[in-house]
Amino acid sequence: MRQVPRPADVPEILTTKGAEEREEAVRYFGPPRASAKAFPFAIYKHKEVKNELERLFRGKCAYCETFYASAQSMDVEHYRPKGAVEGDDAHPGYWWIAMAWDNLLPSCIDCNRKRYQITPRGDVSQVRLHEATLGFSRSSTVGTGKKDSFPLAAGGVRATRADDPLSAEKPLLLNPCEEEPGEHLEYLFDPANPVSFVVARKLVGGDPDFAGDHSLSLKGTTSIHVYGLNRIGLVQARTEVLRRLEFLGALMIDLKALAQDLAGAPPDETVRRAERAVSGFADRLLVEMRAMADPARPYSAMVAAWLDHFASRVAAPDGV
């Protein structure tokens, strides 16, 4: 997950037809309740809205950064669920912002819909993953997917009607348009066994309501579970990218070492040309690795984190 600032410009359909739909919803949900049937929200999934969300997130899921177009249609996801809130049967859902631009995100079906996913066993969000990588070869089926989930921190006050302040809620789910996910999530990198797991980051300062066991981010912990950020298919897809990075990085290091050996050889024009060529090949590998962190590429947040980790490994006194 990477931060994607939302532009101030709102798709026109939401300011016209969306405003009309909201007025209809106010009449529907306002006393007396007109019907027990679900309100037919429709504007949020208009083509104009979908196109803008797809452009904003480069055709990727807002939560897991997977390209969805080749395998599935995009779900227009409500960050605050529109028709119900899991665990609160009396809550009607955040119907008054069902057509609000800042409540809409593009999502793949695995992050958005309740599904049973094969997920590595063990506590994938707490201290155990920081200490060891035990049990990753085993797996179990876990129910993940956001749907109507919208948990709050202990100090949050849930809004139940249109005039309640959303700012008092303290959501436990990350919204990539409103915060930096990297403050709550981090990746495990083990060059000897590259497998891409995401874990909750230890919080430094901030609201204590968001700090869990051992000061690990509750937002990170909750988002990993609800969005299914360690479901096996997603881990495998990220790991494929991670292993390519490790291969390119190791090759770059070997080429740089060879260039240094050539530089120390007796002066000879042929040797010097070879040194420049080898060093140039290594530089091209670095350019390719950096390009993989472009926001338009899949799992770019993981790649950016790996590049920082790789740089620290190369800079270490004993190398990598």
Protein backbone atom coordinates (compact mmCIF):
# COMPACT_ATOMS: atom_id res chain seq x y z
CA MET A 1 0.00 0.00 0.00
CA ARG A 2 1.34 3.42 -0.92
CA GLN A 3 0.08 6.93 -0.23
CA VAL A 4 -1.87 8.48 -3.11
CA PRO A 5 -2.94 12.10 -2.51
CA ARG A 6 -6.48 12.66 -3.72
CA PRO A 7 -6.95 15.68 -6.02
CA ALA A 8 -9.37 18.36 -4.93
CA ASP A 9 -11.29 18.15 -8.21
CA VAL A 10 -14.38 15.97 -7.84
CA PRO A 11 -15.80 14.01 -10.80
CA GLU A 12 -18.67 16.11 -12.15
CA ILE A 13 -21.19 13.26 -11.93
CA LEU A 14 -20.77 13.26 -8.14
CA THR A 15 -21.54 16.96 -7.84
CA THR A 16 -24.66 16.69 -10.01
CA LYS A 17 -26.28 13.26 -9.96
CA GLY A 18 -24.49 12.46 -6.72
CA ALA A 19 -26.04 15.45 -4.99
CA GLU A 20 -29.45 14.38 -6.24
CA GLU A 21 -28.92 10.83 -4.98
CA ARG A 22 -27.91 12.14 -1.57
CA GLU A 23 -31.13 14.15 -1.32
CA GLU A 24 -33.07 10.99 -2.13
CA ALA A 25 -31.13 9.10 0.54
CA VAL A 26 -31.86 11.81 3.12
CA ARG A 27 -35.57 11.40 2.45
CA TYR A 28 -35.26 7.62 2.49
CA PHE A 29 -33.29 7.29 5.74
CA GLY A 30 -34.80 10.27 7.52
CA PRO A 31 -37.77 9.62 9.79
CA PRO A 32 -40.00 7.92 9.08
CA ARG A 33 -37.94 5.19 7.36
CA ALA A 34 -39.56 4.60 4.00
CA SER A 35 -38.78 0.93 3.54
CA ALA A 36 -36.84 -2.00 4.90
CA LYS A 37 -35.29 -2.57 1.47
CA ALA A 38 -31.74 -1.48 0.78
CA PHE A 39 -31.37 1.94 -0.83
CA PRO A 40 -30.32 1.60 -4.50
CA PHE A 41 -27.03 3.52 -4.44
CA ALA A 42 -25.73 3.80 -8.00
CA ILE A 43 -23.77 6.98 -8.72
CA TYR A 44 -20.60 5.81 -6.96
CA LYS A 45 -20.06 3.14 -9.64
CA HIS A 46 -20.68 5.41 -12.62
CA LYS A 47 -18.12 5.05 -15.42
CA GLU A 48 -16.84 8.59 -14.84
CA VAL A 49 -16.04 7.75 -11.21
CA LYS A 50 -14.41 4.43 -12.11
CA ASN A 51 -12.25 6.04 -14.77
CA GLU A 52 -11.00 8.71 -12.40
CA LEU A 53 -10.21 6.21 -9.64
CA GLU A 54 -8.38 4.00 -12.13
CA ARG A 55 -6.35 6.97 -13.34
CA LEU A 56 -5.56 8.11 -9.80
CA PHE A 57 -4.31 4.68 -8.66
CA ARG A 58 -2.69 3.70 -11.99
CA GLY A 59 -5.02 0.73 -12.47
CA LYS A 60 -4.02 -0.81 -9.13
CA CYS A 61 -5.93 -1.80 -6.01
CA ALA A 62 -5.70 0.98 -3.43
CA TYR A 63 -4.89 -1.52 -0.70
CA CYS A 64 -2.63 -4.24 -2.13
CA GLU A 65 -1.26 -2.53 -5.29
CA THR A 66 -2.23 -5.41 -7.54
CA PHE A 67 -3.23 -4.74 -11.15
CA TYR A 68 -6.80 -5.97 -11.37
CA ALA A 69 -7.69 -5.28 -15.01
CA SER A 70 -6.25 -8.48 -16.52
CA ALA A 71 -8.09 -10.84 -14.17
CA GLN A 72 -11.10 -9.11 -12.63
CA SER A 73 -13.21 -5.98 -12.70
CA MET A 74 -12.57 -3.14 -10.30
CA ASP A 75 -14.73 -2.79 -7.21
CA VAL A 76 -15.52 0.80 -6.27
CA GLU A 77 -14.93 0.44 -2.56
CA HIS A 78 -16.47 2.56 0.20
CA TYR A 79 -13.84 3.23 2.84
CA ARG A 80 -16.69 3.84 5.28
CA PRO A 81 -19.28 1.18 4.29
CA LYS A 82 -22.47 2.55 2.81
CA GLY A 83 -25.15 0.06 3.91
CA ALA A 84 -24.09 -1.59 7.18
CA VAL A 85 -21.28 -1.79 9.73
CA GLU A 86 -20.00 -5.21 10.73
CA GLY A 87 -20.55 -5.86 14.44
CA ASP A 88 -23.16 -3.12 14.85
CA ASP A 89 -26.57 -4.36 13.68
CA ALA A 90 -28.22 -1.05 14.54
CA HIS A 91 -25.93 1.04 12.36
CA PRO A 92 -27.47 1.92 8.96
CA GLY A 93 -24.08 2.36 7.32
CA TYR A 94 -22.55 5.66 6.27
CA TRP A 95 -25.26 6.24 3.69
CA TRP A 96 -24.81 10.03 3.68
CA ILE A 97 -21.31 9.71 2.16
CA ALA A 98 -22.03 6.77 -0.15
CA MET A 99 -21.55 9.15 -3.08
CA ALA A 100 -18.78 11.29 -1.52
CA TRP A 101 -15.58 11.40 -3.59
CA ASP A 102 -13.27 11.17 -0.57
CA ASN A 103 -15.00 7.95 0.58
CA LEU A 104 -14.37 6.04 -2.66
CA LEU A 105 -11.37 3.86 -3.51
CA PRO A 106 -10.59 1.31 -6.24
CA SER A 107 -10.18 -2.23 -4.92
CA CYS A 108 -9.59 -5.74 -6.14
CA ILE A 109 -12.25 -8.25 -5.12
CA ASP A 110 -9.89 -10.04 -2.73
CA CYS A 111 -9.32 -6.91 -0.62
CA ASN A 112 -12.92 -5.72 -0.81
CA ARG A 113 -15.15 -8.81 -0.60
CA LYS A 114 -15.38 -11.30 2.24
CA ARG A 115 -13.52 -14.38 1.06
CA TYR A 116 -11.69 -17.27 2.68
CA GLN A 117 -8.05 -16.97 1.76
CA ILE A 118 -5.14 -19.31 2.35
CA THR A 119 -2.94 -17.30 4.70
CA PRO A 120 0.35 -18.31 6.37
CA ARG A 121 -0.12 -19.48 9.94
CA GLY A 122 1.23 -17.62 12.90
CA ASP A 123 0.80 -14.05 14.00
CA VAL A 124 1.47 -12.18 10.78
CA SER A 125 1.18 -8.78 12.41
CA GLN A 126 2.83 -9.03 15.80
CA VAL A 127 6.25 -9.52 17.36
CA ARG A 128 6.65 -13.16 16.31
CA LEU A 129 7.23 -12.14 12.72
CA HIS A 130 9.92 -9.74 13.80
CA GLU A 131 11.73 -12.49 15.68
CA ALA A 132 11.58 -15.44 13.29
CA THR A 133 10.05 -16.72 10.08
CA LEU A 134 8.79 -19.98 11.52
CA GLY A 135 5.82 -21.79 10.07
CA PHE A 136 5.58 -19.89 6.78
CA SER A 137 5.50 -23.16 4.82
CA ARG A 138 2.28 -24.10 6.60
CA SER A 139 -0.98 -22.32 5.92
CA SER A 140 -4.58 -22.08 6.98
CA THR A 141 -7.77 -20.64 5.55
CA VAL A 142 -8.68 -17.25 7.03
CA GLY A 143 -11.67 -15.03 6.37
CA THR A 144 -10.44 -11.70 5.02
CA GLY A 145 -11.83 -8.89 2.87
CA LYS A 146 -13.22 -5.56 3.97
CA LYS A 147 -16.89 -5.53 2.88
CA ASP A 148 -18.73 -3.87 5.83
CA SER A 149 -15.79 -3.86 8.25
CA PHE A 150 -14.89 -0.51 9.77
CA PRO A 151 -13.38 -1.02 13.23
CA LEU A 152 -12.47 1.92 15.45
CA ALA A 153 -9.80 2.42 18.09
CA ALA A 154 -10.90 2.29 21.73
CA GLY A 155 -11.06 6.08 21.98
CA GLY A 156 -13.09 6.55 18.81
CA VAL A 157 -16.73 7.63 18.70
CA ARG A 158 -18.68 6.18 15.78
CA ALA A 159 -20.73 8.49 13.62
CA THR A 160 -24.28 7.22 13.17
CA ARG A 161 -25.89 10.12 11.32
CA ALA A 162 -24.93 12.83 8.88
CA ASP A 163 -24.23 15.55 11.44
CA ASP A 164 -21.90 13.41 13.59
CA PRO A 165 -18.21 14.35 13.18
CA LEU A 166 -16.22 11.74 11.29
CA SER A 167 -13.05 13.20 12.80
CA ALA A 168 -13.96 11.67 16.20
CA GLU A 169 -14.01 8.08 14.92
CA LYS A 170 -10.30 7.04 14.93
CA PRO A 171 -10.54 4.32 12.23
CA LEU A 172 -8.26 1.29 12.49
CA LEU A 173 -8.16 0.77 8.73
CA LEU A 174 -5.56 2.59 6.65
CA ASN A 175 -6.79 4.97 3.98
CA PRO A 176 -3.99 5.54 1.43
CA CYS A 177 -5.44 8.92 0.45
CA GLU A 178 -5.41 10.28 3.98
CA GLU A 179 -2.22 8.92 5.59
CA GLU A 180 1.17 7.42 4.88
CA PRO A 181 0.82 3.62 5.08
CA GLY A 182 4.58 3.31 5.56
CA GLU A 183 4.19 4.74 9.06
CA HIS A 184 2.14 1.66 10.02
CA LEU A 185 3.38 -1.12 7.71
CA GLU A 186 6.78 -2.57 6.89
CA TYR A 187 8.15 -5.52 4.93
CA LEU A 188 10.37 -8.36 6.08
CA PHE A 189 13.52 -8.73 3.95
CA ASP A 190 15.73 -11.80 4.28
CA PRO A 191 18.13 -12.07 1.30
CA ALA A 192 18.76 -15.74 2.08
CA ASN A 193 15.03 -16.54 1.97
CA PRO A 194 13.18 -13.79 0.08
CA VAL A 195 9.48 -14.09 0.91
CA SER A 196 7.40 -10.91 0.93
CA PHE A 197 5.46 -10.57 4.18
CA VAL A 198 4.10 -7.28 5.43
CA VAL A 199 3.97 -6.62 9.17
CA ALA A 200 2.86 -3.87 11.52
CA ARG A 201 5.47 -1.20 12.18
CA LYS A 202 6.40 -0.04 15.65
CA LEU A 203 4.86 3.37 16.28
CA VAL A 204 7.03 6.28 17.31
CA GLY A 205 4.89 8.83 19.14
CA GLY A 206 1.42 9.60 17.86
CA ASP A 207 -1.97 8.71 19.30
CA PRO A 208 -1.62 5.97 21.96
CA ASP A 209 -5.03 4.59 20.91
CA PHE A 210 -3.30 3.28 17.78
CA ALA A 211 -0.52 1.46 19.65
CA GLY A 212 -0.98 -2.26 20.28
CA ASP A 213 1.21 -4.91 21.85
CA HIS A 214 4.88 -3.90 21.98
CA SER A 215 3.82 -0.50 20.51
CA LEU A 216 3.10 -2.06 17.11
CA SER A 217 0.58 -0.13 15.04
CA LEU A 218 -3.00 -1.29 15.53
CA LYS A 219 -3.79 0.33 12.19
CA GLY A 220 -1.15 -1.81 10.57
CA THR A 221 -2.27 -4.95 12.38
CA THR A 222 -5.95 -4.43 11.55
CA SER A 223 -5.36 -3.45 7.93
CA ILE A 224 -3.18 -6.50 7.29
CA HIS A 225 -5.94 -8.77 8.56
CA VAL A 226 -9.01 -7.05 7.10
CA TYR A 227 -7.53 -6.36 3.67
CA GLY A 228 -5.80 -9.76 3.63
CA LEU A 229 -2.40 -8.29 2.83
CA ASN A 230 -0.66 -11.60 3.59
CA ARG A 231 -3.03 -13.90 1.68
CA ILE A 232 -0.99 -16.52 -0.07
CA GLY A 233 -1.67 -15.42 -3.66
CA LEU A 234 -0.64 -11.86 -2.86
CA VAL A 235 2.46 -13.00 -0.96
CA GLN A 236 3.46 -15.12 -3.96
CA ALA A 237 3.00 -12.22 -6.39
CA ARG A 238 5.03 -9.83 -4.22
CA THR A 239 7.68 -12.51 -3.67
CA GLU A 240 8.15 -12.92 -7.42
CA VAL A 241 8.97 -9.20 -7.65
CA LEU A 242 11.15 -9.40 -4.53
CA ARG A 243 13.22 -12.28 -5.87
CA ARG A 244 13.80 -10.43 -9.12
CA LEU A 245 15.07 -7.48 -7.09
CA GLU A 246 17.41 -9.73 -5.11
CA PHE A 247 18.74 -11.25 -8.35
CA LEU A 248 19.30 -7.87 -9.97
CA GLY A 249 20.89 -6.49 -6.80
CA ALA A 250 23.30 -9.41 -6.47
CA LEU A 251 24.21 -9.14 -10.14
CA MET A 252 24.84 -5.41 -9.79
CA ILE A 253 27.16 -6.00 -6.84
CA ASP A 254 29.09 -8.66 -8.74
CA LEU A 255 29.50 -6.37 -11.75
CA LYS A 256 30.70 -3.48 -9.59
CA ALA A 257 33.21 -5.79 -7.91
CA LEU A 258 34.44 -6.95 -11.32
CA ALA A 259 34.77 -3.32 -12.47
CA GLN A 260 36.89 -2.57 -9.40
CA ASP A 261 39.14 -5.56 -10.14
CA LEU A 262 39.58 -4.34 -13.71
CA ALA A 263 40.38 -0.85 -12.46
CA GLY A 264 43.22 -2.30 -10.40
CA ALA A 265 44.70 -4.22 -13.32
CA PRO A 266 47.77 -2.96 -15.26
CA PRO A 267 46.87 -0.02 -17.53
CA ASP A 268 45.59 -1.22 -20.86
CA GLU A 269 43.03 0.36 -23.18
CA THR A 270 41.17 -2.92 -23.64
CA VAL A 271 40.94 -3.39 -19.88
CA ARG A 272 39.76 0.17 -19.40
CA ARG A 273 37.01 -0.28 -21.98
CA ALA A 274 35.94 -3.49 -20.24
CA GLU A 275 35.91 -1.69 -16.90
CA ARG A 276 33.66 1.07 -18.24
CA ALA A 277 31.32 -1.44 -19.90
CA VAL A 278 30.98 -3.59 -16.80
CA SER A 279 30.38 -0.56 -14.58
CA GLY A 280 27.80 0.70 -17.07
CA PHE A 281 25.96 -2.62 -16.99
CA ALA A 282 25.79 -2.37 -13.19
CA ASP A 283 24.43 1.18 -13.39
CA ARG A 284 21.74 0.04 -15.82
CA LEU A 285 20.66 -2.63 -13.35
CA LEU A 286 20.29 0.02 -10.66
CA VAL A 287 18.16 2.14 -13.00
CA GLU A 288 15.90 -0.86 -13.65
CA MET A 289 15.53 -1.59 -9.94
CA ARG A 290 14.61 2.02 -9.24
CA ALA A 291 12.11 1.97 -12.10
CA MET A 292 10.31 -0.90 -10.38
CA ALA A 293 9.48 1.53 -7.55
CA ASP A 294 7.56 3.82 -9.90
CA PRO A 295 3.98 4.36 -8.62
CA ALA A 296 2.64 2.86 -11.85
CA ARG A 297 4.35 -0.49 -11.16
CA PRO A 298 2.86 -3.24 -8.98
CA TYR A 299 3.92 -3.44 -5.33
CA SER A 300 5.90 -0.20 -5.67
CA ALA A 301 5.75 0.47 -1.92
CA MET A 302 7.50 -2.85 -1.24
CA VAL A 303 10.08 -2.11 -3.92
CA ALA A 304 10.82 1.34 -2.47
CA ALA A 305 11.27 -0.21 0.98
CA TRP A 306 13.56 -2.90 -0.47
CA LEU A 307 15.72 -0.29 -2.22
CA ASP A 308 16.27 1.47 1.12
CA HIS A 309 17.10 -1.86 2.75
CA PHE A 310 19.43 -2.82 -0.11
CA ALA A 311 21.25 0.52 0.09
CA SER A 312 21.90 -0.01 3.81
CA ARG A 313 23.20 -3.55 3.12
CA VAL A 314 25.60 -2.33 0.44
CA ALA A 315 26.79 0.52 2.66
CA ALA A 316 27.48 -1.81 5.61
CA PRO A 317 31.18 -2.38 6.41
CA ASP A 318 30.97 -6.07 5.49
CA GLY A 319 28.87 -5.46 2.37
CA VAL A 320 25.90 -7.76 1.81
